Amino acid sequence: MKDGQILLDTPFAKKVGFTSDKFRDSWLWKVDNYIWLSMIWSKKEKQGYTTNLIDNILKEGYGVKVPTPFPKMVSICAKRGFKHIIEEGEDGQCDVLVKESKLKLKEK
């Protein structure tokens, strides 16, 4: 899969559960071997949609990164064993939560 934006309901999005029946106004980005959860907005809270999305991405062999997370996302990620790092970007430093996949990438 090429680097770039992953839109709702596209083939990879459907594979990992990133669908318009669960999320709205949301987008992911693939960069190298990571899927960045740039903006995630569940249509119904406390249904496990975000947790399932993270688990499915990890099962595909991608790591997950969450830049500048809101407190609710920090809580979700803490329960999943994410680590806090600082990454240098084009606009300076960015707080990022990261979790590596323990599996080999299924597709590239």
N, C-alpha and C. Protein backbone atom coordinates (compact mmCIF):
# COMPACT_ATOMS: atom_id res chain seq x y z
N MET A 1 0.86 -1.18 0.00
CA MET A 1 0.00 0.00 0.00
C MET A 1 0.90 1.24 0.00
N LYS A 2 0.52 2.21 -0.79
CA LYS A 2 1.29 3.46 -0.87
C LYS A 2 1.08 4.33 0.36
N ASP A 3 2.09 5.16 0.64
CA ASP A 3 1.92 6.15 1.70
C ASP A 3 0.87 7.17 1.28
N GLY A 4 0.15 7.69 2.24
CA GLY A 4 -0.84 8.73 1.96
C GLY A 4 -2.07 8.56 2.82
N GLN A 5 -3.05 9.39 2.53
CA GLN A 5 -4.28 9.42 3.29
C GLN A 5 -5.12 8.16 3.04
N ILE A 6 -5.74 7.68 4.10
CA ILE A 6 -6.66 6.55 4.01
C ILE A 6 -8.04 7.08 4.34
N LEU A 7 -8.91 7.07 3.38
CA LEU A 7 -10.26 7.59 3.56
C LEU A 7 -11.20 6.49 4.06
N LEU A 8 -12.27 6.90 4.72
CA LEU A 8 -13.31 5.97 5.14
C LEU A 8 -13.80 5.14 3.97
N ASP A 9 -14.08 3.87 4.22
CA ASP A 9 -14.72 2.95 3.27
C ASP A 9 -13.88 2.57 2.06
N THR A 10 -12.60 2.92 2.04
CA THR A 10 -11.73 2.43 0.97
C THR A 10 -11.35 0.98 1.33
N PRO A 11 -10.78 0.23 0.38
CA PRO A 11 -10.53 -1.19 0.66
C PRO A 11 -9.74 -1.48 1.95
N PHE A 12 -8.61 -0.81 2.17
CA PHE A 12 -7.86 -1.06 3.40
C PHE A 12 -8.67 -0.59 4.61
N ALA A 13 -9.35 0.53 4.48
CA ALA A 13 -10.17 1.05 5.58
C ALA A 13 -11.22 0.01 6.00
N LYS A 14 -11.89 -0.59 5.03
CA LYS A 14 -12.89 -1.61 5.35
C LYS A 14 -12.24 -2.80 6.04
N LYS A 15 -11.06 -3.17 5.60
CA LYS A 15 -10.35 -4.32 6.17
C LYS A 15 -10.08 -4.14 7.65
N VAL A 16 -9.79 -2.90 8.07
CA VAL A 16 -9.47 -2.65 9.48
C VAL A 16 -10.64 -2.06 10.28
N GLY A 17 -11.79 -1.90 9.65
CA GLY A 17 -12.97 -1.40 10.36
C GLY A 17 -13.12 0.10 10.39
N PHE A 18 -12.47 0.78 9.46
CA PHE A 18 -12.55 2.24 9.37
C PHE A 18 -13.63 2.59 8.36
N THR A 19 -14.88 2.49 8.81
CA THR A 19 -16.02 2.62 7.92
C THR A 19 -16.97 3.73 8.38
N SER A 20 -17.73 4.23 7.43
CA SER A 20 -18.60 5.37 7.70
C SER A 20 -19.77 5.04 8.62
N ASP A 21 -20.05 3.77 8.85
CA ASP A 21 -21.10 3.44 9.82
C ASP A 21 -20.58 3.58 11.26
N LYS A 22 -19.26 3.64 11.42
CA LYS A 22 -18.66 3.73 12.76
C LYS A 22 -18.00 5.08 13.03
N PHE A 23 -17.46 5.72 11.99
CA PHE A 23 -16.70 6.96 12.15
C PHE A 23 -17.24 8.04 11.23
N ARG A 24 -17.05 9.30 11.64
CA ARG A 24 -17.42 10.44 10.79
C ARG A 24 -16.27 11.45 10.81
N ASP A 25 -16.15 12.20 9.75
CA ASP A 25 -15.15 13.27 9.66
C ASP A 25 -13.79 12.81 10.18
N SER A 26 -13.38 11.63 9.80
CA SER A 26 -12.15 11.02 10.29
C SER A 26 -11.22 10.69 9.15
N TRP A 27 -9.93 10.63 9.47
CA TRP A 27 -8.97 10.20 8.46
C TRP A 27 -7.74 9.59 9.11
N LEU A 28 -7.14 8.71 8.35
CA LEU A 28 -5.90 8.05 8.74
C LEU A 28 -4.86 8.38 7.69
N TRP A 29 -3.59 8.19 8.05
CA TRP A 29 -2.49 8.37 7.10
C TRP A 29 -1.54 7.19 7.23
N LYS A 30 -1.11 6.66 6.10
CA LYS A 30 -0.05 5.65 6.10
C LYS A 30 1.25 6.37 5.79
N VAL A 31 2.23 6.19 6.68
CA VAL A 31 3.57 6.73 6.47
C VAL A 31 4.54 5.60 6.83
N ASP A 32 5.25 5.11 5.84
CA ASP A 32 6.17 3.98 6.04
C ASP A 32 5.41 2.80 6.62
N ASN A 33 5.84 2.28 7.75
CA ASN A 33 5.21 1.09 8.34
C ASN A 33 4.24 1.44 9.47
N TYR A 34 3.73 2.66 9.44
CA TYR A 34 2.81 3.13 10.48
C TYR A 34 1.52 3.66 9.87
N ILE A 35 0.45 3.49 10.62
CA ILE A 35 -0.82 4.14 10.32
C ILE A 35 -1.01 5.20 11.41
N TRP A 36 -1.12 6.44 10.96
CA TRP A 36 -1.32 7.57 11.87
C TRP A 36 -2.81 7.81 12.02
N LEU A 37 -3.28 7.85 13.26
CA LEU A 37 -4.66 8.19 13.55
C LEU A 37 -4.71 9.70 13.77
N SER A 38 -4.84 10.41 12.65
CA SER A 38 -4.78 11.87 12.70
C SER A 38 -6.03 12.47 13.30
N MET A 39 -7.16 11.95 12.92
CA MET A 39 -8.44 12.47 13.42
C MET A 39 -9.42 11.32 13.44
N ILE A 40 -9.87 10.96 14.62
CA ILE A 40 -10.81 9.85 14.77
C ILE A 40 -12.01 10.37 15.55
N TRP A 41 -13.19 10.17 14.97
CA TRP A 41 -14.41 10.61 15.62
C TRP A 41 -15.45 9.51 15.47
N SER A 42 -15.68 8.78 16.54
CA SER A 42 -16.66 7.69 16.52
C SER A 42 -18.07 8.26 16.49
N LYS A 43 -18.93 7.59 15.74
CA LYS A 43 -20.33 8.01 15.71
C LYS A 43 -21.04 7.69 17.02
N LYS A 44 -20.63 6.58 17.65
CA LYS A 44 -21.20 6.19 18.95
C LYS A 44 -20.03 5.90 19.88
N GLU A 45 -19.98 6.61 20.99
CA GLU A 45 -18.90 6.40 21.95
C GLU A 45 -19.11 5.11 22.74
N LYS A 46 -18.01 4.59 23.25
CA LYS A 46 -17.99 3.42 24.12
C LYS A 46 -18.53 2.17 23.45
N GLN A 47 -18.33 2.08 22.13
CA GLN A 47 -18.72 0.88 21.39
C GLN A 47 -17.51 0.03 21.01
N GLY A 48 -16.30 0.54 21.31
CA GLY A 48 -15.08 -0.20 20.99
C GLY A 48 -14.58 0.00 19.58
N TYR A 49 -15.16 0.95 18.84
CA TYR A 49 -14.76 1.15 17.44
C TYR A 49 -13.29 1.53 17.32
N THR A 50 -12.85 2.45 18.14
CA THR A 50 -11.45 2.90 18.05
C THR A 50 -10.50 1.81 18.51
N THR A 51 -10.84 1.13 19.59
CA THR A 51 -10.00 0.03 20.07
C THR A 51 -9.91 -1.07 19.01
N ASN A 52 -11.02 -1.42 18.40
CA ASN A 52 -11.01 -2.44 17.35
C ASN A 52 -10.19 -1.99 16.15
N LEU A 53 -10.31 -0.72 15.79
CA LEU A 53 -9.53 -0.18 14.69
C LEU A 53 -8.04 -0.33 14.97
N ILE A 54 -7.62 0.06 16.16
CA ILE A 54 -6.21 -0.05 16.54
C ILE A 54 -5.76 -1.51 16.48
N ASP A 55 -6.54 -2.40 17.08
CA ASP A 55 -6.19 -3.82 17.07
C ASP A 55 -6.08 -4.38 15.66
N ASN A 56 -7.00 -3.99 14.79
CA ASN A 56 -6.98 -4.49 13.41
C ASN A 56 -5.78 -3.97 12.63
N ILE A 57 -5.42 -2.72 12.86
CA ILE A 57 -4.23 -2.16 12.19
C ILE A 57 -2.99 -2.92 12.64
N LEU A 58 -2.87 -3.17 13.94
CA LEU A 58 -1.74 -3.91 14.47
C LEU A 58 -1.70 -5.34 13.91
N LYS A 59 -2.87 -5.96 13.73
CA LYS A 59 -2.93 -7.31 13.16
C LYS A 59 -2.48 -7.34 11.71
N GLU A 60 -2.57 -6.22 11.03
CA GLU A 60 -2.08 -6.14 9.64
C GLU A 60 -0.57 -5.94 9.60
N GLY A 61 0.05 -5.74 10.76
CA GLY A 61 1.49 -5.59 10.83
C GLY A 61 1.99 -4.17 10.86
N TYR A 62 1.09 -3.20 10.87
CA TYR A 62 1.48 -1.79 10.95
C TYR A 62 1.56 -1.35 12.40
N GLY A 63 2.49 -0.44 12.69
CA GLY A 63 2.49 0.24 13.96
C GLY A 63 1.44 1.33 13.90
N VAL A 64 1.05 1.84 15.06
CA VAL A 64 0.04 2.90 15.13
C VAL A 64 0.66 4.11 15.84
N LYS A 65 0.45 5.29 15.25
CA LYS A 65 0.90 6.54 15.86
C LYS A 65 -0.28 7.50 15.97
N VAL A 66 -0.33 8.20 17.10
CA VAL A 66 -1.39 9.18 17.34
C VAL A 66 -0.72 10.50 17.70
N PRO A 67 -0.75 11.48 16.79
CA PRO A 67 -0.13 12.78 17.08
C PRO A 67 -1.05 13.67 17.90
N THR A 68 -0.45 14.46 18.76
CA THR A 68 -1.15 15.43 19.61
C THR A 68 -2.53 14.93 20.07
N PRO A 69 -2.54 13.84 20.83
CA PRO A 69 -3.81 13.22 21.20
C PRO A 69 -4.61 14.03 22.22
N PHE A 70 -5.92 13.97 22.08
CA PHE A 70 -6.82 14.55 23.07
C PHE A 70 -6.83 13.63 24.30
N PRO A 71 -7.25 14.14 25.46
CA PRO A 71 -7.23 13.33 26.69
C PRO A 71 -7.95 11.98 26.56
N LYS A 72 -9.07 11.94 25.87
CA LYS A 72 -9.80 10.68 25.71
C LYS A 72 -8.95 9.66 24.96
N MET A 73 -8.22 10.11 23.93
CA MET A 73 -7.37 9.21 23.17
C MET A 73 -6.17 8.78 24.00
N VAL A 74 -5.65 9.67 24.83
CA VAL A 74 -4.54 9.30 25.72
C VAL A 74 -4.98 8.14 26.61
N SER A 75 -6.20 8.22 27.13
CA SER A 75 -6.73 7.16 27.99
C SER A 75 -6.86 5.84 27.23
N ILE A 76 -7.41 5.89 26.03
CA ILE A 76 -7.56 4.69 25.21
C ILE A 76 -6.19 4.06 24.93
N CYS A 77 -5.24 4.90 24.55
CA CYS A 77 -3.91 4.41 24.19
C CYS A 77 -3.14 3.89 25.40
N ALA A 78 -3.32 4.51 26.54
CA ALA A 78 -2.64 4.04 27.75
C ALA A 78 -3.07 2.61 28.08
N LYS A 79 -4.34 2.32 27.92
CA LYS A 79 -4.86 0.97 28.18
C LYS A 79 -4.31 -0.05 27.18
N ARG A 80 -3.88 0.43 26.02
CA ARG A 80 -3.39 -0.46 24.96
C ARG A 80 -1.87 -0.57 24.97
N GLY A 81 -1.20 0.10 25.90
CA GLY A 81 0.25 -0.02 26.01
C GLY A 81 1.05 0.86 25.08
N PHE A 82 0.48 1.96 24.64
CA PHE A 82 1.21 2.91 23.79
C PHE A 82 2.29 3.61 24.61
N LYS A 83 3.35 4.03 23.93
CA LYS A 83 4.41 4.81 24.56
C LYS A 83 4.37 6.24 24.04
N HIS A 84 4.77 7.17 24.89
CA HIS A 84 4.83 8.58 24.51
C HIS A 84 6.21 8.89 23.98
N ILE A 85 6.26 9.53 22.79
CA ILE A 85 7.52 9.98 22.22
C ILE A 85 7.36 11.41 21.72
N ILE A 86 8.46 12.05 21.43
CA ILE A 86 8.46 13.35 20.78
C ILE A 86 9.09 13.15 19.40
N GLU A 87 8.39 13.57 18.36
CA GLU A 87 8.92 13.46 17.01
C GLU A 87 9.16 14.85 16.44
N GLU A 88 10.22 14.95 15.67
CA GLU A 88 10.50 16.19 14.95
C GLU A 88 9.75 16.17 13.63
N GLY A 89 9.06 17.24 13.34
CA GLY A 89 8.33 17.35 12.09
C GLY A 89 8.70 18.64 11.38
N GLU A 90 8.04 18.88 10.28
CA GLU A 90 8.29 20.09 9.50
C GLU A 90 8.00 21.35 10.32
N ASP A 91 7.03 21.25 11.22
CA ASP A 91 6.62 22.41 12.02
C ASP A 91 7.18 22.38 13.43
N GLY A 92 8.17 21.54 13.69
CA GLY A 92 8.77 21.45 15.03
C GLY A 92 8.44 20.14 15.70
N GLN A 93 8.48 20.14 17.02
CA GLN A 93 8.26 18.92 17.78
C GLN A 93 6.77 18.63 17.94
N CYS A 94 6.47 17.32 18.03
CA CYS A 94 5.08 16.88 18.15
C CYS A 94 5.01 15.74 19.16
N ASP A 95 4.06 15.82 20.10
CA ASP A 95 3.81 14.70 21.01
C ASP A 95 3.12 13.60 20.23
N VAL A 96 3.62 12.38 20.36
CA VAL A 96 3.06 11.25 19.62
C VAL A 96 2.97 10.05 20.56
N LEU A 97 1.83 9.36 20.50
CA LEU A 97 1.70 8.07 21.16
C LEU A 97 1.94 7.01 20.10
N VAL A 98 2.72 5.99 20.44
CA VAL A 98 3.09 4.99 19.44
C VAL A 98 3.01 3.58 20.01
N LYS A 99 2.57 2.67 19.15
CA LYS A 99 2.56 1.25 19.49
C LYS A 99 3.04 0.48 18.27
N GLU A 100 4.01 -0.37 18.50
CA GLU A 100 4.57 -1.19 17.42
C GLU A 100 3.73 -2.45 17.27
N SER A 101 3.60 -2.94 16.05
CA SER A 101 2.97 -4.22 15.82
C SER A 101 4.01 -5.31 16.07
N LYS A 102 3.57 -6.41 16.61
CA LYS A 102 4.46 -7.55 16.82
C LYS A 102 4.42 -8.50 15.63
N LEU A 103 3.62 -8.16 14.62
CA LEU A 103 3.45 -9.02 13.46
C LEU A 103 4.15 -8.46 12.24
N LYS A 104 4.45 -9.31 11.31
CA LYS A 104 5.05 -8.90 10.05
C LYS A 104 3.97 -8.27 9.16
N LEU A 105 4.33 -7.23 8.44
CA LEU A 105 3.36 -6.59 7.54
C LEU A 105 2.78 -7.60 6.57
N LYS A 106 1.46 -7.58 6.41
CA LYS A 106 0.80 -8.49 5.48
C LYS A 106 0.84 -7.95 4.05
N GLU A 107 0.94 -6.63 3.93
CA GLU A 107 0.98 -6.01 2.60
C GLU A 107 1.87 -4.79 2.66
N LYS A 108 2.37 -4.40 1.52
CA LYS A 108 3.20 -3.20 1.47
C LYS A 108 2.69 -2.27 0.41
